[in-house]
């Protein structure tokens, strides 16, 4: 493995972490949107807010990490992506800003109308943002981002079948992860009725995601043949692992083993992302720019790895402690959402 590949692999770990933690974060907002009216959906929204409030800001650290590494270590590829795909990236950025502001302010707003408006902004942004991010992935993976500044078409680069597939799958995966995670959170809080509701949603979303993924193979075969060949070729074992992990997660959900279902679901999503990377290897920008061609000088890559290693010593234990701390069962009397 070359130095450039090591740096890219480290960046990809951050991308996987964002897909899991940030994805579940976005998915919780999607279920907030679908929770129902003010009264009927109140307890679901309380659980969602209780689950994501301590960690939602920390989850987006991973996105910043990915962007900084890509910008520094693969600056040419970064410039090509952000100048060709500035429309979906800008929309995603606006979605994150609107989502964060609405989530923060709606808790301190007393008027019902304003709370509803902020809640709608939070929920719709949670739906739109992963779609735009998924469309960006589809654009890169289908080879619609050529090298150079603004060298690709600013519309068709992300308005195409593969980008649409990427956006829809991103939304579904986020919703699925959130439903699985919220099952365990509701169980921990002692809200068995909410456990049943989110369990049904997780199973239903998994079925829809599987159907879309299967149909998506035909989309990729017609619209992104290089990606299709990679997924059905050298990435096939990883794709199979994703399917096996997904089926295992369904079985664990069915038998109400929610902690294990979380792990299996995370493995399934991780395998999907790794499968994409393996299928696209060795290109950063398909089919023109390889990893080695996109990388900056050796001294910058070495400095980047040193900085990442030093930062990881501080950041990783802090994030692990944060996630573990807020996954502990409450002591004493169980706290039921809405009680």
C-alpha atoms as a PDB file:
ATOM      1  CA  UNK A   1       0.000   0.000   0.000  1.00  0.00           C
ATOM      2  CA  UNK A   2       1.419   3.367  -1.019  1.00  0.00           C
ATOM      3  CA  UNK A   3       1.539   6.449   1.191  1.00  0.00           C
ATOM      4  CA  UNK A   4      -1.286   8.073  -0.773  1.00  0.00           C
ATOM      5  CA  UNK A   5      -3.436   4.965  -0.338  1.00  0.00           C
ATOM      6  CA  UNK A   6      -2.804   4.995   3.417  1.00  0.00           C
ATOM      7  CA  UNK A   7      -3.963   8.614   3.690  1.00  0.00           C
ATOM      8  CA  UNK A   8      -7.012   7.876   1.553  1.00  0.00           C
ATOM      9  CA  UNK A   9      -7.817   4.819   3.674  1.00  0.00           C
ATOM     10  CA  UNK A  10      -7.675   6.924   6.838  1.00  0.00           C
ATOM     11  CA  UNK A  11      -9.988   9.453   5.222  1.00  0.00           C
ATOM     12  CA  UNK A  12     -12.342   6.658   4.223  1.00  0.00           C
ATOM     13  CA  UNK A  13     -12.568   5.522   7.849  1.00  0.00           C
ATOM     14  CA  UNK A  14     -13.887   8.986   8.618  1.00  0.00           C
ATOM     15  CA  UNK A  15     -16.355   8.691   5.737  1.00  0.00           C
ATOM     16  CA  UNK A  16     -17.642   5.390   7.107  1.00  0.00           C
ATOM     17  CA  UNK A  17     -17.989   6.912  10.581  1.00  0.00           C
ATOM     18  CA  UNK A  18     -19.963   9.807   9.115  1.00  0.00           C
ATOM     19  CA  UNK A  19     -22.146   7.394   7.168  1.00  0.00           C
ATOM     20  CA  UNK A  20     -22.984   5.488  10.353  1.00  0.00           C
ATOM     21  CA  UNK A  21     -23.275   8.211  12.990  1.00  0.00           C
ATOM     22  CA  UNK A  22     -24.271  11.129  10.784  1.00  0.00           C
ATOM     23  CA  UNK A  23     -26.535   8.822   8.795  1.00  0.00           C
ATOM     24  CA  UNK A  24     -28.423   7.708  11.893  1.00  0.00           C
ATOM     25  CA  UNK A  25     -28.616  11.377  12.893  1.00  0.00           C
ATOM     26  CA  UNK A  26     -30.242  12.343   9.578  1.00  0.00           C
ATOM     27  CA  UNK A  27     -32.498   9.301   9.736  1.00  0.00           C
ATOM     28  CA  UNK A  28     -33.817  10.339  13.129  1.00  0.00           C
ATOM     29  CA  UNK A  29     -34.905  13.602  11.544  1.00  0.00           C
ATOM     30  CA  UNK A  30     -36.693  11.659   8.802  1.00  0.00           C
ATOM     31  CA  UNK A  31     -38.682   9.743  11.428  1.00  0.00           C
ATOM     32  CA  UNK A  32     -39.391  13.069  13.136  1.00  0.00           C
ATOM     33  CA  UNK A  33     -41.006  14.139   9.856  1.00  0.00           C
ATOM     34  CA  UNK A  34     -43.085  10.952   9.689  1.00  0.00           C
ATOM     35  CA  UNK A  35     -43.997  10.792  13.379  1.00  0.00           C
ATOM     36  CA  UNK A  36     -47.478  12.230  12.835  1.00  0.00           C
ATOM     37  CA  UNK A  37     -49.345  15.178  14.283  1.00  0.00           C
ATOM     38  CA  UNK A  38     -48.357  17.244  17.287  1.00  0.00           C
ATOM     39  CA  UNK A  39     -50.047  14.979  19.825  1.00  0.00           C
ATOM     40  CA  UNK A  40     -49.709  11.594  18.149  1.00  0.00           C
ATOM     41  CA  UNK A  41     -46.023  12.059  17.368  1.00  0.00           C
ATOM     42  CA  UNK A  42     -45.033  13.812  20.597  1.00  0.00           C
ATOM     43  CA  UNK A  43     -43.474  10.803  22.349  1.00  0.00           C
ATOM     44  CA  UNK A  44     -41.591   9.697  19.255  1.00  0.00           C
ATOM     45  CA  UNK A  45     -40.168  13.178  18.818  1.00  0.00           C
ATOM     46  CA  UNK A  46     -39.182  13.313  22.491  1.00  0.00           C
ATOM     47  CA  UNK A  47     -37.278  10.036  22.104  1.00  0.00           C
ATOM     48  CA  UNK A  48     -35.593  11.266  18.927  1.00  0.00           C
ATOM     49  CA  UNK A  49     -34.566  14.531  20.562  1.00  0.00           C
ATOM     50  CA  UNK A  50     -33.348  12.709  23.671  1.00  0.00           C
ATOM     51  CA  UNK A  51     -31.276  10.312  21.535  1.00  0.00           C
ATOM     52  CA  UNK A  52     -29.535  12.753  19.201  1.00  0.00           C
ATOM     53  CA  UNK A  53     -29.248  15.913  21.311  1.00  0.00           C
ATOM     54  CA  UNK A  54     -25.981  14.925  23.062  1.00  0.00           C
ATOM     55  CA  UNK A  55     -24.175  13.763  19.907  1.00  0.00           C
ATOM     56  CA  UNK A  56     -25.567  15.462  16.789  1.00  0.00           C
ATOM     57  CA  UNK A  57     -22.852  18.127  16.676  1.00  0.00           C
ATOM     58  CA  UNK A  58     -20.091  15.587  17.306  1.00  0.00           C
ATOM     59  CA  UNK A  59     -21.384  13.393  14.464  1.00  0.00           C
ATOM     60  CA  UNK A  60     -20.574  16.091  11.906  1.00  0.00           C
ATOM     61  CA  UNK A  61     -16.949  16.250  13.021  1.00  0.00           C
ATOM     62  CA  UNK A  62     -16.429  13.269  10.721  1.00  0.00           C
ATOM     63  CA  UNK A  63     -17.593  15.226   7.681  1.00  0.00           C
ATOM     64  CA  UNK A  64     -15.222  18.073   8.486  1.00  0.00           C
ATOM     65  CA  UNK A  65     -12.444  15.518   8.875  1.00  0.00           C
ATOM     66  CA  UNK A  66     -13.158  14.001   5.453  1.00  0.00           C
ATOM     67  CA  UNK A  67     -13.273  17.382   3.727  1.00  0.00           C
ATOM     68  CA  UNK A  68     -10.039  18.598   5.318  1.00  0.00           C
ATOM     69  CA  UNK A  69      -8.114  15.448   4.378  1.00  0.00           C
ATOM     70  CA  UNK A  70      -9.466  15.482   0.817  1.00  0.00           C
ATOM     71  CA  UNK A  71      -8.704  19.184   0.437  1.00  0.00           C
ATOM     72  CA  UNK A  72      -5.169  18.859   1.789  1.00  0.00           C
ATOM     73  CA  UNK A  73      -3.997  15.503   0.445  1.00  0.00           C
ATOM     74  CA  UNK A  74      -5.932  15.315  -2.840  1.00  0.00           C
ATOM     75  CA  UNK A  75      -6.465  18.968  -3.629  1.00  0.00           C
ATOM     76  CA  UNK A  76      -6.911  18.548  -7.388  1.00  0.00           C
ATOM     77  CA  UNK A  77      -9.698  16.006  -6.935  1.00  0.00           C
ATOM     78  CA  UNK A  78     -11.279  18.185  -4.235  1.00  0.00           C
ATOM     79  CA  UNK A  79     -11.286  21.186  -6.588  1.00  0.00           C
ATOM     80  CA  UNK A  80     -12.857  19.154  -9.388  1.00  0.00           C
ATOM     81  CA  UNK A  81     -15.621  17.826  -7.123  1.00  0.00           C
ATOM     82  CA  UNK A  82     -16.584  21.104  -5.454  1.00  0.00           C
ATOM     83  CA  UNK A  83     -16.553  23.146  -8.678  1.00  0.00           C
ATOM     84  CA  UNK A  84     -18.542  20.651 -10.727  1.00  0.00           C
ATOM     85  CA  UNK A  85     -20.936  19.624  -7.947  1.00  0.00           C
ATOM     86  CA  UNK A  86     -21.295  22.964  -6.200  1.00  0.00           C
ATOM     87  CA  UNK A  87     -25.086  22.931  -6.586  1.00  0.00           C
ATOM     88  CA  UNK A  88     -25.847  19.738  -4.578  1.00  0.00           C
ATOM     89  CA  UNK A  89     -23.000  20.494  -2.162  1.00  0.00           C
ATOM     90  CA  UNK A  90     -24.380  23.985  -1.504  1.00  0.00           C
ATOM     91  CA  UNK A  91     -27.890  22.603  -1.037  1.00  0.00           C
ATOM     92  CA  UNK A  92     -26.527  19.994   1.374  1.00  0.00           C
ATOM     93  CA  UNK A  93     -24.653  22.701   3.306  1.00  0.00           C
ATOM     94  CA  UNK A  94     -27.807  24.836   3.549  1.00  0.00           C
ATOM     95  CA  UNK A  95     -29.672  21.738   4.715  1.00  0.00           C
ATOM     96  CA  UNK A  96     -27.164  21.096   7.488  1.00  0.00           C
ATOM     97  CA  UNK A  97     -27.306  24.727   8.624  1.00  0.00           C
ATOM     98  CA  UNK A  98     -31.111  24.852   8.573  1.00  0.00           C
ATOM     99  CA  UNK A  99     -31.328  21.494  10.296  1.00  0.00           C
ATOM    100  CA  UNK A 100     -28.935  22.406  13.084  1.00  0.00           C
ATOM    101  CA  UNK A 101     -30.459  25.821  13.683  1.00  0.00           C
ATOM    102  CA  UNK A 102     -34.007  24.454  13.724  1.00  0.00           C
ATOM    103  CA  UNK A 103     -33.090  21.619  16.090  1.00  0.00           C
ATOM    104  CA  UNK A 104     -31.383  24.013  18.494  1.00  0.00           C
ATOM    105  CA  UNK A 105     -34.029  26.742  18.461  1.00  0.00           C
ATOM    106  CA  UNK A 106     -37.218  24.707  18.534  1.00  0.00           C
ATOM    107  CA  UNK A 107     -36.470  23.528  22.068  1.00  0.00           C
ATOM    108  CA  UNK A 108     -36.425  27.095  23.361  1.00  0.00           C
ATOM    109  CA  UNK A 109     -39.426  28.349  21.388  1.00  0.00           C
ATOM    110  CA  UNK A 110     -42.704  28.592  23.284  1.00  0.00           C
ATOM    111  CA  UNK A 111     -45.230  29.389  20.543  1.00  0.00           C
ATOM    112  CA  UNK A 112     -46.800  26.373  18.844  1.00  0.00           C
ATOM    113  CA  UNK A 113     -46.634  27.872  15.347  1.00  0.00           C
ATOM    114  CA  UNK A 114     -42.933  28.615  15.570  1.00  0.00           C
ATOM    115  CA  UNK A 115     -42.208  25.185  17.022  1.00  0.00           C
ATOM    116  CA  UNK A 116     -44.026  23.584  14.115  1.00  0.00           C
ATOM    117  CA  UNK A 117     -42.147  25.715  11.582  1.00  0.00           C
ATOM    118  CA  UNK A 118     -38.780  24.893  13.127  1.00  0.00           C
ATOM    119  CA  UNK A 119     -39.729  21.237  13.432  1.00  0.00           C
ATOM    120  CA  UNK A 120     -40.639  21.153   9.740  1.00  0.00           C
ATOM    121  CA  UNK A 121     -37.327  22.795   8.822  1.00  0.00           C
ATOM    122  CA  UNK A 122     -35.442  20.219  10.890  1.00  0.00           C
ATOM    123  CA  UNK A 123     -37.346  17.281   9.437  1.00  0.00           C
ATOM    124  CA  UNK A 124     -37.321  18.295   5.760  1.00  0.00           C
ATOM    125  CA  UNK A 125     -33.625  19.230   5.958  1.00  0.00           C
ATOM    126  CA  UNK A 126     -32.937  15.787   7.434  1.00  0.00           C
ATOM    127  CA  UNK A 127     -34.564  14.261   4.358  1.00  0.00           C
ATOM    128  CA  UNK A 128     -33.048  16.518   1.701  1.00  0.00           C
ATOM    129  CA  UNK A 129     -29.456  16.672   2.949  1.00  0.00           C
ATOM    130  CA  UNK A 130     -28.612  12.956   2.667  1.00  0.00           C
ATOM    131  CA  UNK A 131     -30.241  12.906  -0.765  1.00  0.00           C
ATOM    132  CA  UNK A 132     -27.917  15.625  -2.046  1.00  0.00           C
ATOM    133  CA  UNK A 133     -24.883  13.959  -0.456  1.00  0.00           C
ATOM    134  CA  UNK A 134     -25.877  10.649  -2.039  1.00  0.00           C
ATOM    135  CA  UNK A 135     -26.254  12.327  -5.418  1.00  0.00           C
ATOM    136  CA  UNK A 136     -22.687  13.628  -5.077  1.00  0.00           C
ATOM    137  CA  UNK A 137     -21.438  10.093  -4.457  1.00  0.00           C
ATOM    138  CA  UNK A 138     -23.372   8.892  -7.490  1.00  0.00           C
ATOM    139  CA  UNK A 139     -21.855  11.624  -9.643  1.00  0.00           C
ATOM    140  CA  UNK A 140     -18.297  10.715  -8.661  1.00  0.00           C
ATOM    141  CA  UNK A 141     -18.866   6.962  -8.875  1.00  0.00           C
ATOM    142  CA  UNK A 142     -20.450   7.165 -12.342  1.00  0.00           C
ATOM    143  CA  UNK A 143     -17.533   9.155 -13.771  1.00  0.00           C
ATOM    144  CA  UNK A 144     -19.344  12.450 -14.250  1.00  0.00           C
ATOM    145  CA  UNK A 145     -16.725  14.561 -12.454  1.00  0.00           C
ATOM    146  CA  UNK A 146     -13.751  15.063 -14.796  1.00  0.00           C
ATOM    147  CA  UNK A 147     -10.430  16.500 -13.699  1.00  0.00           C
ATOM    148  CA  UNK A 148     -10.102  20.268 -13.785  1.00  0.00           C
ATOM    149  CA  UNK A 149     -11.898  23.294 -12.410  1.00  0.00           C
ATOM    150  CA  UNK A 150     -15.628  23.185 -13.254  1.00  0.00           C
ATOM    151  CA  UNK A 151     -14.900  20.784 -16.094  1.00  0.00           C
ATOM    152  CA  UNK A 152     -18.101  18.810 -15.640  1.00  0.00           C
ATOM    153  CA  UNK A 153     -21.694  19.765 -16.379  1.00  0.00           C
ATOM    154  CA  UNK A 154     -23.152  21.480 -13.306  1.00  0.00           C
ATOM    155  CA  UNK A 155     -26.604  19.959 -13.876  1.00  0.00           C
ATOM    156  CA  UNK A 156     -26.290  16.553 -15.513  1.00  0.00           C
ATOM    157  CA  UNK A 157     -23.332  15.652 -13.282  1.00  0.00           C
ATOM    158  CA  UNK A 158     -25.776  15.098 -10.396  1.00  0.00           C
ATOM    159  CA  UNK A 159     -29.160  14.964 -12.142  1.00  0.00           C
ATOM    160  CA  UNK A 160     -28.892  11.478 -13.625  1.00  0.00           C
ATOM    161  CA  UNK A 161     -30.033   7.925 -12.825  1.00  0.00           C
ATOM    162  CA  UNK A 162     -26.976   6.922 -10.759  1.00  0.00           C
ATOM    163  CA  UNK A 163     -27.064  10.094  -8.681  1.00  0.00           C
ATOM    164  CA  UNK A 164     -30.791   9.655  -8.113  1.00  0.00           C
ATOM    165  CA  UNK A 165     -30.150   6.081  -7.018  1.00  0.00           C
ATOM    166  CA  UNK A 166     -27.384   7.264  -4.679  1.00  0.00           C
ATOM    167  CA  UNK A 167     -29.647   9.911  -3.179  1.00  0.00           C
ATOM    168  CA  UNK A 168     -32.583   7.571  -2.614  1.00  0.00           C
ATOM    169  CA  UNK A 169     -30.372   4.866  -1.125  1.00  0.00           C
ATOM    170  CA  UNK A 170     -28.724   7.420   1.176  1.00  0.00           C
ATOM    171  CA  UNK A 171     -32.139   8.498   2.499  1.00  0.00           C
ATOM    172  CA  UNK A 172     -33.295   4.902   2.976  1.00  0.00           C
ATOM    173  CA  UNK A 173     -30.084   3.800   4.678  1.00  0.00           C
ATOM    174  CA  UNK A 174     -30.223   6.780   7.040  1.00  0.00           C
ATOM    175  CA  UNK A 175     -33.834   6.005   7.921  1.00  0.00           C
ATOM    176  CA  UNK A 176     -33.024   2.334   8.446  1.00  0.00           C
ATOM    177  CA  UNK A 177     -30.033   3.017  10.698  1.00  0.00           C
ATOM    178  CA  UNK A 178     -32.014   5.486  12.772  1.00  0.00           C
ATOM    179  CA  UNK A 179     -34.903   3.064  13.235  1.00  0.00           C
ATOM    180  CA  UNK A 180     -32.553   0.307  14.404  1.00  0.00           C
ATOM    181  CA  UNK A 181     -30.709   2.638  16.765  1.00  0.00           C
ATOM    182  CA  UNK A 182     -33.966   4.053  18.145  1.00  0.00           C
ATOM    183  CA  UNK A 183     -35.226   0.543  18.919  1.00  0.00           C
ATOM    184  CA  UNK A 184     -32.364   0.094  21.370  1.00  0.00           C
ATOM    185  CA  UNK A 185     -32.778   3.633  22.725  1.00  0.00           C
ATOM    186  CA  UNK A 186     -36.491   3.123  23.330  1.00  0.00           C
ATOM    187  CA  UNK A 187     -35.799  -0.215  25.036  1.00  0.00           C
ATOM    188  CA  UNK A 188     -33.212   1.464  27.255  1.00  0.00           C
ATOM    189  CA  UNK A 189     -35.734   4.147  28.204  1.00  0.00           C
ATOM    190  CA  UNK A 190     -38.385   1.545  28.995  1.00  0.00           C
ATOM    191  CA  UNK A 191     -40.800   2.679  26.236  1.00  0.00           C
ATOM    192  CA  UNK A 192     -41.873  -0.696  24.810  1.00  0.00           C
ATOM    193  CA  UNK A 193     -44.603   0.801  22.616  1.00  0.00           C
ATOM    194  CA  UNK A 194     -41.982   2.935  20.863  1.00  0.00           C
ATOM    195  CA  UNK A 195     -39.745  -0.121  20.538  1.00  0.00           C
ATOM    196  CA  UNK A 196     -42.501  -1.881  18.605  1.00  0.00           C
ATOM    197  CA  UNK A 197     -43.110   1.138  16.387  1.00  0.00           C
ATOM    198  CA  UNK A 198     -39.462   1.622  15.434  1.00  0.00           C
ATOM    199  CA  UNK A 199     -38.947  -2.128  15.033  1.00  0.00           C
ATOM    200  CA  UNK A 200     -41.728  -2.202  12.438  1.00  0.00           C
ATOM    201  CA  UNK A 201     -40.208   0.801  10.697  1.00  0.00           C
ATOM    202  CA  UNK A 202     -36.754  -0.770  10.663  1.00  0.00           C
ATOM    203  CA  UNK A 203     -38.066  -3.990   9.127  1.00  0.00           C
ATOM    204  CA  UNK A 204     -40.147  -2.124   6.554  1.00  0.00           C
ATOM    205  CA  UNK A 205     -37.325   0.235   5.600  1.00  0.00           C
ATOM    206  CA  UNK A 206     -34.912  -2.687   5.277  1.00  0.00           C
ATOM    207  CA  UNK A 207     -37.257  -4.391   2.821  1.00  0.00           C
ATOM    208  CA  UNK A 208     -37.622  -1.224   0.730  1.00  0.00           C
ATOM    209  CA  UNK A 209     -33.858  -0.597   0.803  1.00  0.00           C
ATOM    210  CA  UNK A 210     -33.148  -4.129  -0.365  1.00  0.00           C
ATOM    211  CA  UNK A 211     -35.633  -3.803  -3.234  1.00  0.00           C
ATOM    212  CA  UNK A 212     -34.191  -0.455  -4.323  1.00  0.00           C
ATOM    213  CA  UNK A 213     -30.645  -1.823  -4.097  1.00  0.00           C
ATOM    214  CA  UNK A 214     -31.559  -4.803  -6.267  1.00  0.00           C
ATOM    215  CA  UNK A 215     -33.269  -2.607  -8.846  1.00  0.00           C
ATOM    216  CA  UNK A 216     -30.303  -0.261  -8.655  1.00  0.00           C
ATOM    217  CA  UNK A 217     -28.045  -2.904 -10.149  1.00  0.00           C
ATOM    218  CA  UNK A 218     -29.953  -2.572 -13.414  1.00  0.00           C
ATOM    219  CA  UNK A 219     -29.616   1.215 -13.204  1.00  0.00           C
ATOM    220  CA  UNK A 220     -25.858   0.944 -12.718  1.00  0.00           C
ATOM    221  CA  UNK A 221     -25.503  -1.579 -15.521  1.00  0.00           C
ATOM    222  CA  UNK A 222     -27.066   0.885 -17.946  1.00  0.00           C
ATOM    223  CA  UNK A 223     -25.817   4.199 -16.566  1.00  0.00           C
ATOM    224  CA  UNK A 224     -22.515   3.431 -14.785  1.00  0.00           C
ATOM    225  CA  UNK A 225     -21.028   0.286 -16.373  1.00  0.00           C
ATOM    226  CA  UNK A 226     -17.565   0.713 -14.831  1.00  0.00           C
ATOM    227  CA  UNK A 227     -19.051   0.869 -11.343  1.00  0.00           C
ATOM    228  CA  UNK A 228     -21.332  -2.069 -12.113  1.00  0.00           C
ATOM    229  CA  UNK A 229     -18.396  -4.151 -13.339  1.00  0.00           C
ATOM    230  CA  UNK A 230     -16.448  -3.323 -10.182  1.00  0.00           C
ATOM    231  CA  UNK A 231     -19.335  -4.189  -7.860  1.00  0.00           C
ATOM    232  CA  UNK A 232     -20.014  -7.498  -9.592  1.00  0.00           C
ATOM    233  CA  UNK A 233     -16.306  -8.235 -10.012  1.00  0.00           C
ATOM    234  CA  UNK A 234     -13.601  -7.559  -7.454  1.00  0.00           C
ATOM    235  CA  UNK A 235     -16.025  -5.968  -4.966  1.00  0.00           C
ATOM    236  CA  UNK A 236     -18.458  -8.899  -5.110  1.00  0.00           C
ATOM    237  CA  UNK A 237     -17.226 -10.501  -1.831  1.00  0.00           C
ATOM    238  CA  UNK A 238     -17.785  -7.214   0.006  1.00  0.00           C
ATOM    239  CA  UNK A 239     -21.243  -6.866  -1.530  1.00  0.00           C
ATOM    240  CA  UNK A 240     -22.065 -10.404  -0.406  1.00  0.00           C
ATOM    241  CA  UNK A 241     -20.851  -9.541   3.099  1.00  0.00           C
ATOM    242  CA  UNK A 242     -23.207  -6.562   3.110  1.00  0.00           C
ATOM    243  CA  UNK A 243     -26.135  -8.777   2.108  1.00  0.00           C
ATOM    244  CA  UNK A 244     -25.292 -11.387   4.741  1.00  0.00           C
ATOM    245  CA  UNK A 245     -24.931  -8.736   7.449  1.00  0.00           C
ATOM    246  CA  UNK A 246     -28.200  -7.138   6.372  1.00  0.00           C
ATOM    247  CA  UNK A 247     -30.062 -10.446   6.541  1.00  0.00           C
ATOM    248  CA  UNK A 248     -28.508 -11.112   9.947  1.00  0.00           C
ATOM    249  CA  UNK A 249     -29.667  -7.689  11.135  1.00  0.00           C
ATOM    250  CA  UNK A 250     -33.210  -8.505  10.024  1.00  0.00           C
ATOM    251  CA  UNK A 251     -33.099 -11.749  11.960  1.00  0.00           C
ATOM    252  CA  UNK A 252     -31.827  -9.979  15.053  1.00  0.00           C
ATOM    253  CA  UNK A 253     -34.552  -7.347  14.748  1.00  0.00           C
ATOM    254  CA  UNK A 254     -37.175 -10.045  14.343  1.00  0.00           C
ATOM    255  CA  UNK A 255     -35.953 -11.754  17.526  1.00  0.00           C
ATOM    256  CA  UNK A 256     -35.725  -8.375  19.321  1.00  0.00           C
ATOM    257  CA  UNK A 257     -31.959  -8.451  19.908  1.00  0.00           C
ATOM    258  CA  UNK A 258     -31.512  -4.751  19.281  1.00  0.00           C
ATOM    259  CA  UNK A 259     -27.934  -4.285  20.459  1.00  0.00           C
ATOM    260  CA  UNK A 260     -26.686  -7.020  18.139  1.00  0.00           C
ATOM    261  CA  UNK A 261     -28.932  -5.680  15.360  1.00  0.00           C
ATOM    262  CA  UNK A 262     -27.127  -2.345  15.641  1.00  0.00           C
ATOM    263  CA  UNK A 263     -23.764  -4.020  15.114  1.00  0.00           C
ATOM    264  CA  UNK A 264     -24.990  -6.097  12.171  1.00  0.00           C
ATOM    265  CA  UNK A 265     -26.641  -3.068  10.558  1.00  0.00           C
ATOM    266  CA  UNK A 266     -23.470  -1.025  10.973  1.00  0.00           C
ATOM    267  CA  UNK A 267     -21.479  -3.829   9.344  1.00  0.00           C
ATOM    268  CA  UNK A 268     -23.920  -3.982   6.424  1.00  0.00           C
ATOM    269  CA  UNK A 269     -23.684  -0.234   5.774  1.00  0.00           C
ATOM    270  CA  UNK A 270     -19.906  -0.262   6.196  1.00  0.00           C
ATOM    271  CA  UNK A 271     -19.644  -3.080   3.649  1.00  0.00           C
ATOM    272  CA  UNK A 272     -21.740  -1.074   1.179  1.00  0.00           C
ATOM    273  CA  UNK A 273     -19.353   1.868   1.431  1.00  0.00           C
ATOM    274  CA  UNK A 274     -16.276  -0.356   1.240  1.00  0.00           C
ATOM    275  CA  UNK A 275     -17.778  -2.091  -1.770  1.00  0.00           C
ATOM    276  CA  UNK A 276     -18.100   1.258  -3.531  1.00  0.00           C
ATOM    277  CA  UNK A 277     -14.451   2.053  -2.742  1.00  0.00           C
ATOM    278  CA  UNK A 278     -13.240  -1.336  -3.951  1.00  0.00           C
ATOM    279  CA  UNK A 279     -15.313  -1.093  -7.130  1.00  0.00           C
ATOM    280  CA  UNK A 280     -13.908   2.351  -7.912  1.00  0.00           C
ATOM    281  CA  UNK A 281     -10.262   1.504  -7.056  1.00  0.00           C
ATOM    282  CA  UNK A 282      -7.716   2.732  -8.120  1.00  0.00           C
ATOM    283  CA  UNK A 283      -9.543   5.881  -9.222  1.00  0.00           C
ATOM    284  CA  UNK A 284     -10.417   8.929  -7.201  1.00  0.00           C
ATOM    285  CA  UNK A 285     -12.186  10.450 -10.194  1.00  0.00           C
ATOM    286  CA  UNK A 286     -13.510   7.717 -12.465  1.00  0.00           C
ATOM    287  CA  UNK A 287     -12.119   6.974 -15.023  1.00  0.00           C
ATOM    288  CA  UNK A 288      -9.397   9.605 -15.340  1.00  0.00           C
ATOM    289  CA  UNK A 289      -7.553  10.301 -12.090  1.00  0.00           C
ATOM    290  CA  UNK A 290      -5.982   7.555  -9.988  1.00  0.00           C
ATOM    291  CA  UNK A 291      -5.112   7.821  -6.320  1.00  0.00           C
ATOM    292  CA  UNK A 292      -1.440   8.380  -7.069  1.00  0.00           C
ATOM    293  CA  UNK A 293      -2.189  11.027  -9.681  1.00  0.00           C
ATOM    294  CA  UNK A 294      -4.539  12.898  -7.352  1.00  0.00           C
ATOM    295  CA  UNK A 295      -2.201  12.885  -4.348  1.00  0.00           C
ATOM    296  CA  UNK A 296      -0.051  15.870  -3.440  1.00  0.00           C
ATOM    297  CA  UNK A 297       3.659  15.671  -2.591  1.00  0.00           C
ATOM    298  CA  UNK A 298       5.141  13.108  -0.237  1.00  0.00           C
ATOM    299  CA  UNK A 299       6.118  15.670   2.410  1.00  0.00           C
ATOM    300  CA  UNK A 300       2.510  16.894   2.659  1.00  0.00           C
ATOM    301  CA  UNK A 301       1.193  13.335   2.944  1.00  0.00           C
ATOM    302  CA  UNK A 302       3.692  12.532   5.701  1.00  0.00           C
ATOM    303  CA  UNK A 303       2.780  15.711   7.580  1.00  0.00           C
ATOM    304  CA  UNK A 304      -0.893  14.850   7.173  1.00  0.00           C
ATOM    305  CA  UNK A 305      -0.424  11.386   8.678  1.00  0.00           C
ATOM    306  CA  UNK A 306       1.560  12.791  11.596  1.00  0.00           C
ATOM    307  CA  UNK A 307      -1.123  15.402  12.266  1.00  0.00           C
ATOM    308  CA  UNK A 308      -3.881  12.812  12.007  1.00  0.00           C
ATOM    309  CA  UNK A 309      -2.097  10.484  14.395  1.00  0.00           C
ATOM    310  CA  UNK A 310      -1.599  13.234  16.956  1.00  0.00           C
ATOM    311  CA  UNK A 311      -5.175  14.410  16.611  1.00  0.00           C
ATOM    312  CA  UNK A 312      -6.565  10.903  16.920  1.00  0.00           C
ATOM    313  CA  UNK A 313      -4.926  10.524  20.339  1.00  0.00           C
ATOM    314  CA  UNK A 314      -7.147  13.338  21.611  1.00  0.00           C
ATOM    315  CA  UNK A 315     -10.243  13.077  19.427  1.00  0.00           C
ATOM    316  CA  UNK A 316     -10.985   9.349  19.228  1.00  0.00           C
ATOM    317  CA  UNK A 317     -11.042   8.612  22.998  1.00  0.00           C
ATOM    318  CA  UNK A 318     -13.194  11.707  23.548  1.00  0.00           C
ATOM    319  CA  UNK A 319     -15.732  10.663  20.919  1.00  0.00           C
ATOM    320  CA  UNK A 320     -15.786   7.062  22.131  1.00  0.00           C
ATOM    321  CA  UNK A 321     -16.419   8.245  25.690  1.00  0.00           C
ATOM    322  CA  UNK A 322     -19.177  10.575  24.483  1.00  0.00           C
ATOM    323  CA  UNK A 323     -20.973   7.811  22.573  1.00  0.00           C
ATOM    324  CA  UNK A 324     -20.571   5.278  25.391  1.00  0.00           C
ATOM    325  CA  UNK A 325     -21.658   7.736  28.076  1.00  0.00           C
ATOM    326  CA  UNK A 326     -24.985   8.469  26.440  1.00  0.00           C
ATOM    327  CA  UNK A 327     -25.683   4.810  25.650  1.00  0.00           C
ATOM    328  CA  UNK A 328     -25.726   3.799  29.286  1.00  0.00           C
ATOM    329  CA  UNK A 329     -29.031   2.758  30.754  1.00  0.00           C
ATOM    330  CA  UNK A 330     -30.484   5.345  33.166  1.00  0.00           C
ATOM    331  CA  UNK A 331     -30.001   4.528  36.821  1.00  0.00           C
ATOM    332  CA  UNK A 332     -32.929   4.278  39.173  1.00  0.00           C
ATOM    333  CA  UNK A 333     -36.390   4.626  37.713  1.00  0.00           C
ATOM    334  CA  UNK A 334     -36.557   4.260  33.926  1.00  0.00           C
ATOM    335  CA  UNK A 335     -37.165   7.504  32.138  1.00  0.00           C
ATOM    336  CA  UNK A 336     -40.127   7.053  29.811  1.00  0.00           C
ATOM    337  CA  UNK A 337     -40.373   9.514  26.981  1.00  0.00           C
ATOM    338  CA  UNK A 338     -43.403  11.673  27.491  1.00  0.00           C
ATOM    339  CA  UNK A 339     -43.729  10.906  31.193  1.00  0.00           C
END
